[in-house]
Amino acid sequence: MRLISVNCGLPRQVTWQGMNVTTSIYKEPVEGRVRLRMLNLDGDRQADLSVHGGKDKAVYCYPIEHYSYWQAKLPDHTMNMGAFGENFTTEGLSEETVHIGDRFTIGSAEVVVTQPRMPCYKLGIRFQSNEMVKRFLDSRRSGLYLAVTLEGEVGAGDEIAKLSCAADSVSVTEIVRLYIAKNLNNDDIGLVERAISLEALPEGWKEYFQEKLNSFNS
């Protein structure tokens, strides 16, 4: 597994459907080594801290393997690294095989997987399409967020090495499926209960899944 590109961006104002919007969705590759801190990378900021950023969303990763899919779906768009607002464009980190709570080293930093990305309307701004959020969710190509457990320096080309696997965890792909499912079935209940028990999964996700369980049992 490898870090292909480190991408940073600062908040900027754009016009979308007649409104002025502040967004940090626009990321650009940076050269050299970058300090990864508990809340973000040096040179990177989040525009709306009520829904972006924080310790559980310090870094957003998106697999380079998904780029060919989106290039075929969106042929009129140039797919430079950072196109999806990701801080890390990665190789070998699959949502199907990576689980909540898995720990990795990247450069001299250590990180833990916390959650998938649930896109907001600003992804639509980036691709100039109101349909992009739905298309992104339907694709199941969510990418994933990392929390930083040890600050350090990272750079393009760094190996991403697994430190440990979370015991009895749930994959990022399954978390997305359970999140958007309109109804749970009997086979899903055990997965949801496991998700709620995961230390690395943020409280907001646990509360959401607990509500789903309560609805199923009522």
Protein backbone atom coordinates (compact mmCIF):
# COMPACT_ATOMS: atom_id res chain seq x y z
CA MET A 1 0.00 0.00 0.00
CA ARG A 2 1.27 3.44 -0.88
CA LEU A 3 0.58 7.15 -0.54
CA ILE A 4 0.35 8.44 -4.12
CA SER A 5 -0.28 12.13 -3.45
CA VAL A 6 -0.64 14.53 -0.50
CA ASN A 7 -3.25 17.19 -1.29
CA CYS A 8 -4.01 20.38 0.62
CA GLY A 9 -6.27 23.39 0.23
CA LEU A 10 -7.53 26.43 2.10
CA PRO A 11 -11.12 27.70 2.24
CA ARG A 12 -12.22 29.72 -0.75
CA GLN A 13 -15.41 31.42 -1.81
CA VAL A 14 -17.23 30.19 -4.90
CA THR A 15 -20.58 30.96 -6.45
CA TRP A 16 -23.02 28.05 -6.66
CA GLN A 17 -26.58 28.44 -7.89
CA GLY A 18 -26.55 32.15 -7.13
CA MET A 19 -25.12 31.78 -3.62
CA ASN A 20 -21.66 32.54 -2.22
CA VAL A 21 -20.32 29.39 -0.61
CA THR A 22 -17.10 28.89 1.37
CA THR A 23 -15.53 25.52 0.68
CA SER A 24 -12.26 23.61 1.01
CA ILE A 25 -13.24 20.91 -1.50
CA TYR A 26 -10.52 22.11 -3.88
CA LYS A 27 -7.26 20.34 -3.02
CA GLU A 28 -3.95 20.45 -4.87
CA PRO A 29 -0.96 18.08 -4.66
CA VAL A 30 1.94 19.41 -2.59
CA GLU A 31 5.59 18.48 -2.90
CA GLY A 32 7.99 17.40 -0.20
CA ARG A 33 7.26 16.30 3.34
CA VAL A 34 4.20 17.65 5.16
CA ARG A 35 3.51 17.61 8.90
CA LEU A 36 0.43 15.58 9.81
CA ARG A 37 -1.09 16.85 13.03
CA MET A 38 -4.02 15.70 15.15
CA LEU A 39 -6.55 17.88 13.33
CA ASN A 40 -5.15 18.22 9.81
CA LEU A 41 -2.13 18.59 7.58
CA ASP A 42 -0.02 21.74 7.63
CA GLY A 43 -1.35 23.91 4.82
CA ASP A 44 -4.82 22.39 4.86
CA ARG A 45 -7.99 23.70 6.49
CA GLN A 46 -11.68 22.79 6.60
CA ALA A 47 -14.28 25.43 5.77
CA ASP A 48 -17.22 24.25 7.92
CA LEU A 49 -16.01 22.70 11.16
CA SER A 50 -19.55 21.70 12.15
CA VAL A 51 -19.48 18.87 9.61
CA HIS A 52 -15.86 18.63 8.46
CA GLY A 53 -12.58 18.17 10.24
CA GLY A 54 -12.05 17.40 13.91
CA LYS A 55 -9.97 14.60 15.34
CA ASP A 56 -12.07 11.84 13.78
CA LYS A 57 -11.78 13.41 10.31
CA ALA A 58 -8.21 14.65 10.35
CA VAL A 59 -7.40 13.09 6.98
CA TYR A 60 -9.60 12.02 4.08
CA CYS A 61 -8.24 9.22 1.87
CA TYR A 62 -9.46 8.30 -1.60
CA PRO A 63 -8.17 5.31 -3.58
CA ILE A 64 -6.53 6.03 -6.91
CA GLU A 65 -8.16 2.82 -8.13
CA HIS A 66 -11.49 4.69 -8.27
CA TYR A 67 -10.22 7.37 -10.61
CA SER A 68 -10.63 5.29 -13.77
CA TYR A 69 -14.25 4.56 -12.83
CA TRP A 70 -15.05 8.25 -12.42
CA GLN A 71 -13.11 9.27 -15.51
CA ALA A 72 -15.31 6.92 -17.53
CA LYS A 73 -18.46 8.27 -15.87
CA LEU A 74 -17.40 11.93 -16.10
CA PRO A 75 -15.35 12.20 -19.31
CA ASP A 76 -15.59 16.00 -19.42
CA HIS A 77 -13.80 16.42 -16.09
CA THR A 78 -10.05 16.42 -15.55
CA MET A 79 -9.20 14.00 -12.77
CA ASN A 80 -6.13 15.42 -11.08
CA MET A 81 -5.06 14.07 -7.69
CA GLY A 82 -7.24 15.62 -5.01
CA ALA A 83 -10.24 15.83 -7.33
CA PHE A 84 -12.55 14.39 -4.66
CA GLY A 85 -11.32 16.69 -1.94
CA GLU A 86 -9.06 14.02 -0.50
CA ASN A 87 -5.93 14.78 1.48
CA PHE A 88 -4.36 11.44 0.62
CA THR A 89 -4.70 9.77 -2.76
CA THR A 90 -3.83 6.18 -1.91
CA GLU A 91 -3.01 2.90 -3.61
CA GLY A 92 -4.08 -0.41 -2.09
CA LEU A 93 -6.51 0.89 0.56
CA SER A 94 -9.80 -0.71 -0.38
CA GLU A 95 -13.05 0.09 1.41
CA GLU A 96 -13.93 -3.61 1.14
CA THR A 97 -10.82 -4.82 2.96
CA VAL A 98 -10.14 -1.95 5.38
CA HIS A 99 -12.09 -2.06 8.65
CA ILE A 100 -13.04 0.56 11.21
CA GLY A 101 -10.29 0.62 13.83
CA ASP A 102 -7.51 -0.68 11.57
CA ARG A 103 -4.23 1.09 12.34
CA PHE A 104 -1.51 2.09 9.87
CA THR A 105 1.80 3.89 9.70
CA ILE A 106 2.31 6.46 6.95
CA GLY A 107 5.71 8.09 6.92
CA SER A 108 6.53 8.80 10.57
CA ALA A 109 2.86 9.20 11.51
CA GLU A 110 0.37 6.65 12.83
CA VAL A 111 -3.34 6.70 12.03
CA VAL A 112 -6.56 4.78 12.66
CA VAL A 113 -9.57 4.31 10.35
CA THR A 114 -12.70 5.94 11.80
CA GLN A 115 -15.47 6.15 9.17
CA PRO A 116 -16.45 6.42 5.52
CA ARG A 117 -17.09 9.73 3.81
CA MET A 118 -20.71 10.78 3.52
CA PRO A 119 -20.65 13.47 0.82
CA CYS A 120 -22.29 16.88 1.16
CA TYR A 121 -23.48 19.24 -1.55
CA LYS A 122 -19.99 20.69 -1.92
CA LEU A 123 -18.95 17.62 -3.87
CA GLY A 124 -21.63 18.73 -6.32
CA ILE A 125 -19.98 22.15 -6.46
CA ARG A 126 -16.63 20.57 -7.27
CA PHE A 127 -18.12 18.66 -10.20
CA GLN A 128 -20.76 21.27 -11.09
CA SER A 129 -23.57 18.74 -10.76
CA ASN A 130 -26.49 18.41 -8.36
CA GLU A 131 -26.50 14.68 -9.09
CA MET A 132 -22.94 14.07 -7.91
CA VAL A 133 -23.77 13.37 -4.27
CA LYS A 134 -26.26 10.64 -5.19
CA ARG A 135 -23.92 9.19 -7.80
CA PHE A 136 -21.10 9.13 -5.28
CA LEU A 137 -23.19 7.30 -2.68
CA ASP A 138 -24.59 4.86 -5.25
CA SER A 139 -21.07 4.01 -6.44
CA ARG A 140 -20.08 2.70 -2.97
CA ARG A 141 -16.70 4.34 -3.59
CA SER A 142 -16.72 6.37 -0.39
CA GLY A 143 -13.09 6.66 0.59
CA LEU A 144 -12.33 6.76 4.31
CA TYR A 145 -11.35 9.06 7.15
CA LEU A 146 -8.40 8.70 9.48
CA ALA A 147 -7.71 9.95 12.98
CA VAL A 148 -4.10 10.68 13.88
CA THR A 149 -2.72 8.71 16.82
CA LEU A 150 0.89 9.87 16.37
CA GLU A 151 1.86 13.06 14.60
CA GLY A 152 4.59 12.87 12.00
CA GLU A 153 5.68 13.78 8.49
CA VAL A 154 4.24 12.29 5.31
CA GLY A 155 4.97 12.60 1.62
CA ALA A 156 4.06 11.15 -1.75
CA GLY A 157 5.60 7.72 -2.20
CA ASP A 158 5.45 6.74 1.47
CA GLU A 159 4.51 3.17 2.27
CA ILE A 160 1.21 2.63 4.08
CA ALA A 161 1.89 -0.25 6.45
CA LYS A 162 -0.71 -1.94 8.63
CA LEU A 163 0.08 -1.91 12.34
CA SER A 164 -2.94 -3.85 13.55
CA CYS A 165 -6.43 -5.01 12.60
CA ALA A 166 -9.42 -4.17 14.73
CA ALA A 167 -10.89 -7.29 16.32
CA ASP A 168 -14.39 -8.29 15.19
CA SER A 169 -14.72 -5.11 13.19
CA VAL A 170 -16.83 -4.04 10.21
CA SER A 171 -15.48 -3.00 6.81
CA VAL A 172 -15.87 0.53 5.51
CA THR A 173 -18.03 -0.80 2.67
CA GLU A 174 -20.41 -2.50 5.11
CA ILE A 175 -20.68 0.65 7.21
CA VAL A 176 -21.80 2.57 4.12
CA ARG A 177 -24.30 -0.14 3.14
CA LEU A 178 -25.81 -0.23 6.62
CA TYR A 179 -25.96 3.55 6.78
CA ILE A 180 -27.95 4.03 3.58
CA ALA A 181 -30.12 0.90 3.91
CA LYS A 182 -33.77 1.88 4.25
CA ASN A 183 -34.50 -1.25 6.27
CA LEU A 184 -32.34 -3.71 8.18
CA ASN A 185 -32.79 -7.45 7.88
CA ASN A 186 -32.04 -10.10 10.48
CA ASP A 187 -28.55 -10.69 9.07
CA ASP A 188 -27.72 -6.99 9.45
CA ILE A 189 -28.48 -6.80 13.16
CA GLY A 190 -25.27 -8.47 14.26
CA LEU A 191 -23.22 -6.18 12.02
CA VAL A 192 -24.91 -3.08 13.41
CA GLU A 193 -24.35 -4.25 16.98
CA ARG A 194 -20.68 -4.86 16.19
CA ALA A 195 -20.40 -1.40 14.63
CA ILE A 196 -21.85 0.25 17.73
CA SER A 197 -19.28 -1.53 19.90
CA LEU A 198 -16.28 -0.27 17.90
CA GLU A 199 -14.12 2.15 19.85
CA ALA A 200 -12.90 3.94 16.71
CA LEU A 201 -16.36 4.63 15.26
CA PRO A 202 -17.44 8.19 16.21
CA GLU A 203 -20.38 8.69 18.56
CA GLY A 204 -22.58 10.25 15.90
CA TRP A 205 -22.44 7.06 13.85
CA LYS A 206 -23.16 4.92 16.90
CA GLU A 207 -26.20 7.03 17.77
CA TYR A 208 -27.49 6.74 14.20
CA PHE A 209 -27.09 2.97 14.19
CA GLN A 210 -28.69 2.67 17.63
CA GLU A 211 -31.73 4.49 16.29
CA LYS A 212 -31.87 2.01 13.41
CA LEU A 213 -31.73 -0.86 15.86
CA ASN A 214 -34.48 0.67 17.98
CA SER A 215 -36.68 1.05 14.90
CA PHE A 216 -36.06 -2.56 13.91
CA ASN A 217 -36.95 -3.84 17.37
CA SER A 218 -40.03 -1.65 17.85
